[in-house]
Amino acid sequence: MSAFRCGTVAFAGRPNTGKSSLLNRLLGEKLAIVSAKPQTTRHLVRGILESPGCQCVLLDAPGFQAARDDALNRALNRRAAEAARDADVVAFVLEALRFGEADRQALRRIPPAATVVAVLNKVDRVRRAAQLLPFIERLAREREFAALVPVSARTGRNVAELLGVICGLLPEAPRRYPAGQLTDQDERFFAAELLREKLFRLLGQELPYRCEVALESFRQEGRLRRIAATIWIERESQKPIVLGRGGERIKRLASAARRDMERLFGGRVHLEVWVKVKRGWTDDLQSLRQLGYA
């Protein structure tokens, strides 16, 4: 009988390659928040995936990014580097047929001794399969990969094959978590993440990066959860944008987040949301420490 395997798999790569979508597809649950905007992921999201003879602890980390140079982005890059350094396997996620300087920089940040699987995501967008082979050959010259696997997080294509490759690379070890456990992070964490997802989805291109969500209280009364949250912004002029005319936008944000929370928690949610100013928080170390980034 084969020995049981268990270990940590960190998703790495530049922003917006589909790392969070891939984690959700592997788990069969929406655990990581997603949006079309880069750098949606700020916190390490941990999902636990059980397959025959194997338990994978999947870590969705922030994407490596050099375009911004504030204290928040430096903290996110450190968080991503630490996840890659400490993992048993690194899944380096990139877009099929696209490997640019941002991908190269992200790949360089992965420790040379790491076991790396190149995951070519979004193959459903590749019109001609014949284009993949020369691309894979060029990519293989960038560093020594344990495997190169084309997948589609959107359709699920080759995701089972990717899981098989990853499990085969994990060390022989007993499971760390009880079978069937999905995550070790609490409901407070996911409540804040779901509200922040709506900021990324419903606000303009730049403003979501200047917003953060902090939970003020989380109380459970039977199957009802009473949640109070604050959306922090950097400037007073940003408040009307988040609130919308007559508070319409903040109501829409809160309603969408509440529905997702009820779906995830399996019970009713009463959600109250405020918008407050914390000036220059993205480049202020004290504010970042208060928000759990440093």
Protein backbone atom coordinates (compact mmCIF):
# COMPACT_ATOMS: atom_id res chain seq x y z
CA MET A 1 0.00 0.00 0.00
CA SER A 2 1.33 3.46 -0.92
CA ALA A 3 2.21 5.77 1.94
CA PHE A 4 -0.09 8.70 2.70
CA ARG A 5 1.13 12.09 1.47
CA CYS A 6 0.43 15.49 2.99
CA GLY A 7 1.90 18.94 2.48
CA THR A 8 1.45 22.59 1.60
CA VAL A 9 0.98 23.91 -1.94
CA ALA A 10 1.41 27.66 -2.48
CA PHE A 11 -0.03 29.36 -5.55
CA ALA A 12 2.38 31.98 -6.91
CA GLY A 13 2.59 34.22 -9.96
CA ARG A 14 1.84 37.73 -11.08
CA PRO A 15 -1.62 39.18 -10.34
CA ASN A 16 -4.67 38.17 -12.37
CA THR A 17 -3.51 34.79 -13.70
CA GLY A 18 -6.44 32.97 -12.04
CA LYS A 19 -4.79 31.65 -8.88
CA SER A 20 -7.87 32.19 -6.72
CA SER A 21 -10.20 30.71 -9.35
CA LEU A 22 -7.95 27.66 -9.59
CA LEU A 23 -7.97 27.15 -5.82
CA ASN A 24 -11.78 27.38 -5.81
CA ARG A 25 -12.02 24.91 -8.71
CA LEU A 26 -9.76 22.39 -6.96
CA LEU A 27 -11.74 22.66 -3.72
CA GLY A 28 -15.15 22.63 -5.39
CA GLU A 29 -16.11 25.57 -3.15
CA LYS A 30 -15.78 29.34 -3.42
CA LEU A 31 -13.26 29.98 -0.67
CA ALA A 32 -11.04 32.66 -2.24
CA ILE A 33 -12.58 35.91 -3.45
CA VAL A 34 -12.21 36.72 -7.14
CA SER A 35 -12.59 39.73 -9.40
CA ALA A 36 -11.32 40.85 -12.79
CA LYS A 37 -8.99 43.37 -11.12
CA PRO A 38 -5.38 42.47 -10.25
CA GLN A 39 -4.27 42.12 -6.61
CA THR A 40 -7.72 41.15 -5.32
CA THR A 41 -6.04 38.63 -3.01
CA ARG A 42 -4.37 40.27 -0.02
CA HIS A 43 -4.51 37.61 2.68
CA LEU A 44 -3.38 34.00 2.66
CA VAL A 45 -6.46 31.87 2.00
CA ARG A 46 -6.03 28.28 3.17
CA GLY A 47 -8.08 25.44 1.71
CA ILE A 48 -7.78 21.77 2.63
CA LEU A 49 -8.22 19.27 -0.18
CA GLU A 50 -8.50 15.54 0.42
CA SER A 51 -7.96 12.98 -2.32
CA PRO A 52 -7.23 9.24 -2.12
CA GLY A 53 -3.94 8.82 -0.25
CA CYS A 54 -3.27 12.55 -0.08
CA GLN A 55 -4.17 15.74 1.77
CA CYS A 56 -3.16 19.06 0.16
CA VAL A 57 -3.13 22.29 2.15
CA LEU A 58 -3.63 24.88 -0.58
CA LEU A 59 -2.45 28.47 -0.03
CA ASP A 60 -3.75 31.25 -2.25
CA ALA A 61 -1.23 34.08 -1.84
CA PRO A 62 -1.18 37.64 -3.23
CA GLY A 63 0.25 37.98 -6.70
CA PHE A 64 3.79 39.36 -6.96
CA GLN A 65 3.59 42.92 -8.23
CA ALA A 66 6.22 45.57 -8.96
CA ALA A 67 3.95 48.26 -10.42
CA ARG A 68 3.09 49.73 -6.99
CA ASP A 69 5.66 50.68 -4.40
CA ASP A 70 3.68 51.60 -1.30
CA ALA A 71 3.99 49.89 2.07
CA LEU A 72 0.89 47.77 1.44
CA ASN A 73 2.27 46.31 -1.78
CA ARG A 74 5.65 45.60 -0.17
CA ALA A 75 3.84 43.75 2.63
CA LEU A 76 1.83 41.72 0.09
CA ASN A 77 4.98 40.78 -1.83
CA ARG A 78 6.62 39.64 1.42
CA ARG A 79 3.56 37.56 2.23
CA ALA A 80 3.67 35.89 -1.19
CA ALA A 81 7.43 35.24 -0.91
CA GLU A 82 7.06 33.67 2.52
CA ALA A 83 4.26 31.39 1.30
CA ALA A 84 6.43 30.17 -1.60
CA ARG A 85 9.46 29.73 0.66
CA ASP A 86 7.62 27.63 3.25
CA ALA A 87 5.58 25.43 0.87
CA ASP A 88 6.39 21.84 -0.07
CA VAL A 89 5.29 22.55 -3.64
CA VAL A 90 4.85 25.87 -5.45
CA ALA A 91 2.21 26.04 -8.20
CA PHE A 92 3.45 28.85 -10.44
CA VAL A 93 0.35 30.01 -12.29
CA LEU A 94 0.60 31.89 -15.58
CA GLU A 95 -1.62 32.40 -18.60
CA ALA A 96 -1.17 29.97 -21.47
CA LEU A 97 0.80 31.56 -24.34
CA ARG A 98 1.69 34.58 -22.20
CA PHE A 99 4.98 34.88 -20.32
CA GLY A 100 6.12 38.47 -19.91
CA GLU A 101 8.50 40.38 -17.69
CA ALA A 102 6.01 40.46 -14.81
CA ASP A 103 5.79 36.65 -14.92
CA ARG A 104 9.58 36.39 -15.09
CA GLN A 105 9.98 38.64 -12.04
CA ALA A 106 7.42 36.58 -10.10
CA LEU A 107 9.22 33.37 -11.04
CA ARG A 108 12.56 34.79 -9.85
CA ARG A 109 11.08 35.42 -6.40
CA ILE A 110 10.45 31.70 -5.88
CA PRO A 111 13.44 30.16 -4.06
CA PRO A 112 15.79 28.23 -6.38
CA ALA A 113 15.50 25.07 -4.27
CA ALA A 114 11.69 25.02 -4.39
CA THR A 115 9.75 22.26 -6.13
CA VAL A 116 7.79 24.18 -8.76
CA VAL A 117 4.95 23.07 -11.01
CA ALA A 118 4.21 25.44 -13.90
CA VAL A 119 0.43 25.73 -14.29
CA LEU A 120 -0.59 27.13 -17.67
CA ASN A 121 -4.05 28.46 -16.93
CA LYS A 122 -6.76 29.67 -19.33
CA VAL A 123 -6.05 27.08 -22.02
CA ASP A 124 -9.74 27.36 -22.95
CA ARG A 125 -8.75 30.66 -24.62
CA VAL A 126 -6.10 29.03 -26.80
CA ARG A 127 -7.55 28.70 -30.29
CA ARG A 128 -4.99 26.26 -31.68
CA ALA A 129 -3.57 23.52 -29.46
CA ALA A 130 -0.46 23.39 -31.68
CA GLN A 131 0.59 26.73 -30.18
CA LEU A 132 1.03 25.21 -26.73
CA LEU A 133 3.99 22.93 -27.40
CA PRO A 134 6.48 25.62 -28.53
CA PHE A 135 5.32 27.84 -25.67
CA ILE A 136 5.92 25.01 -23.15
CA GLU A 137 9.36 24.42 -24.65
CA ARG A 138 10.29 28.09 -24.23
CA LEU A 139 8.93 28.17 -20.69
CA ALA A 140 10.92 25.06 -19.72
CA ARG A 141 14.11 27.01 -20.44
CA GLU A 142 13.28 29.60 -17.74
CA ARG A 143 13.96 27.20 -14.86
CA GLU A 144 13.74 23.53 -13.97
CA PHE A 145 10.09 22.67 -13.32
CA ALA A 146 8.92 19.45 -11.71
CA ALA A 147 6.06 19.46 -14.23
CA LEU A 148 4.26 21.76 -16.68
CA VAL A 149 0.48 21.30 -16.73
CA PRO A 150 -1.99 23.19 -18.97
CA VAL A 151 -5.36 23.73 -17.24
CA SER A 152 -8.50 25.81 -17.29
CA ALA A 153 -9.79 26.97 -13.93
CA ARG A 154 -12.95 28.19 -15.68
CA THR A 155 -13.93 24.88 -17.30
CA GLY A 156 -12.06 22.43 -15.05
CA ARG A 157 -9.99 21.04 -17.91
CA ASN A 158 -6.96 19.04 -16.65
CA VAL A 159 -7.54 20.16 -13.04
CA ALA A 160 -7.77 16.52 -11.86
CA GLU A 161 -4.49 15.80 -13.66
CA LEU A 162 -2.88 18.78 -11.92
CA LEU A 163 -4.02 17.47 -8.54
CA GLY A 164 -2.49 14.09 -9.32
CA VAL A 165 0.84 15.69 -10.21
CA ILE A 166 0.87 17.80 -7.04
CA CYS A 167 -0.03 14.88 -4.76
CA GLY A 168 2.82 12.85 -6.22
CA LEU A 169 5.29 15.59 -5.25
CA LEU A 170 4.18 16.02 -1.63
CA PRO A 171 6.16 14.36 1.16
CA GLU A 172 5.02 11.18 2.87
CA ALA A 173 3.33 12.40 6.04
CA PRO A 174 0.11 11.93 8.03
CA ARG A 175 -2.80 14.30 7.40
CA ARG A 176 -2.67 17.57 9.33
CA TYR A 177 -6.42 18.15 9.46
CA PRO A 178 -9.44 15.90 9.98
CA ALA A 179 -10.81 14.42 6.75
CA GLY A 180 -13.58 16.63 5.34
CA GLN A 181 -12.36 19.91 6.86
CA LEU A 182 -12.39 22.66 4.22
CA THR A 183 -10.33 25.37 5.95
CA ASP A 184 -8.93 26.34 9.32
CA GLN A 185 -9.89 30.01 8.95
CA ASP A 186 -12.90 31.33 10.82
CA GLU A 187 -16.12 32.95 9.64
CA ARG A 188 -14.92 36.44 10.65
CA PHE A 189 -12.14 36.16 8.06
CA PHE A 190 -14.50 35.15 5.25
CA ALA A 191 -17.09 37.79 6.16
CA ALA A 192 -14.50 40.54 5.70
CA GLU A 193 -13.18 38.95 2.49
CA LEU A 194 -16.63 38.66 0.91
CA LEU A 195 -17.36 42.32 1.57
CA ARG A 196 -13.98 43.33 0.16
CA GLU A 197 -14.69 41.26 -2.97
CA LYS A 198 -17.75 43.41 -3.65
CA LEU A 199 -15.62 46.56 -3.40
CA PHE A 200 -13.35 45.19 -6.12
CA ARG A 201 -16.26 44.14 -8.30
CA LEU A 202 -18.50 47.20 -7.99
CA LEU A 203 -16.08 50.13 -7.70
CA GLY A 204 -13.83 51.70 -10.34
CA GLN A 205 -10.37 50.61 -11.39
CA GLU A 206 -8.28 52.40 -8.75
CA LEU A 207 -10.44 52.94 -5.66
CA PRO A 208 -10.64 49.30 -4.43
CA TYR A 209 -6.87 49.38 -3.78
CA ARG A 210 -7.46 52.28 -1.39
CA CYS A 211 -10.16 50.41 0.53
CA GLU A 212 -9.92 47.87 3.33
CA VAL A 213 -12.53 46.04 5.41
CA ALA A 214 -12.31 45.60 9.17
CA LEU A 215 -14.88 43.68 11.20
CA GLU A 216 -16.01 45.56 14.30
CA SER A 217 -18.18 42.79 15.74
CA PHE A 218 -19.39 39.29 14.89
CA ARG A 219 -22.06 37.71 17.10
CA GLN A 220 -23.97 34.50 16.53
CA GLU A 221 -27.48 34.16 17.89
CA GLY A 222 -28.70 30.70 16.96
CA ARG A 223 -28.52 30.56 13.16
CA LEU A 224 -28.43 34.36 12.87
CA ARG A 225 -25.09 36.13 12.61
CA ARG A 226 -24.96 39.85 13.45
CA ILE A 227 -21.97 41.43 11.72
CA ALA A 228 -20.75 45.02 11.85
CA ALA A 229 -17.99 46.08 9.45
CA THR A 230 -16.10 49.25 8.55
CA ILE A 231 -14.81 50.06 5.08
CA TRP A 232 -11.67 52.16 5.47
CA ILE A 233 -10.78 54.63 2.72
CA GLU A 234 -7.86 57.06 2.39
CA ARG A 235 -9.56 60.37 1.66
CA GLU A 236 -12.83 62.10 2.49
CA SER A 237 -13.43 62.65 -1.25
CA GLN A 238 -13.64 58.88 -1.73
CA LYS A 239 -16.58 58.48 0.65
CA PRO A 240 -19.32 59.62 -1.79
CA ILE A 241 -17.99 57.17 -4.39
CA VAL A 242 -18.32 54.22 -2.00
CA LEU A 243 -21.69 55.37 -0.63
CA GLY A 244 -23.24 56.26 -4.00
CA ARG A 245 -26.19 58.57 -4.55
CA GLY A 246 -28.43 58.39 -1.48
CA GLY A 247 -26.37 55.45 -0.16
CA GLU A 248 -27.45 53.26 -3.09
CA ARG A 249 -24.02 51.77 -3.81
CA ILE A 250 -23.15 50.83 -0.23
CA LYS A 251 -26.56 49.17 0.11
CA ARG A 252 -25.90 47.16 -3.05
CA LEU A 253 -22.42 46.18 -1.81
CA ALA A 254 -23.74 45.10 1.57
CA SER A 255 -26.68 43.16 0.12
CA ALA A 256 -24.47 41.23 -2.29
CA ALA A 257 -21.96 40.44 0.47
CA ARG A 258 -24.73 39.38 2.88
CA ARG A 259 -26.17 36.92 0.35
CA ASP A 260 -22.74 35.32 -0.15
CA MET A 261 -22.22 35.10 3.61
CA GLU A 262 -25.57 33.40 4.10
CA ARG A 263 -24.70 30.92 1.36
CA LEU A 264 -21.28 30.15 2.89
CA PHE A 265 -22.37 30.10 6.55
CA GLY A 266 -25.66 28.30 6.02
CA GLY A 267 -27.73 30.77 8.05
CA ARG A 268 -29.19 34.28 8.11
CA VAL A 269 -26.89 37.31 8.34
CA HIS A 270 -27.66 40.82 9.58
CA LEU A 271 -24.92 43.07 8.18
CA GLU A 272 -24.23 46.70 9.06
CA VAL A 273 -21.53 48.59 7.15
CA TRP A 274 -19.91 51.99 7.79
CA VAL A 275 -17.43 53.96 5.68
CA LYS A 276 -14.64 55.81 7.51
CA VAL A 277 -11.44 57.63 6.57
CA LYS A 278 -8.00 56.37 7.62
CA ARG A 279 -5.72 58.79 5.83
CA GLY A 280 -2.89 57.29 3.77
CA TRP A 281 -3.31 53.84 5.28
CA THR A 282 -1.77 52.03 2.29
CA ASP A 283 1.61 53.66 2.99
CA ASP A 284 1.48 53.87 6.78
CA LEU A 285 3.10 51.04 8.77
CA GLN A 286 1.07 51.66 11.94
CA SER A 287 -2.22 51.48 10.02
CA LEU A 288 -1.04 48.36 8.19
CA ARG A 289 -0.18 46.68 11.51
CA GLN A 290 -3.66 47.50 12.83
CA LEU A 291 -5.16 45.92 9.70
CA GLY A 292 -3.01 42.80 9.99
CA TYR A 293 -0.54 43.43 7.16
CA ALA A 294 2.69 44.09 9.07
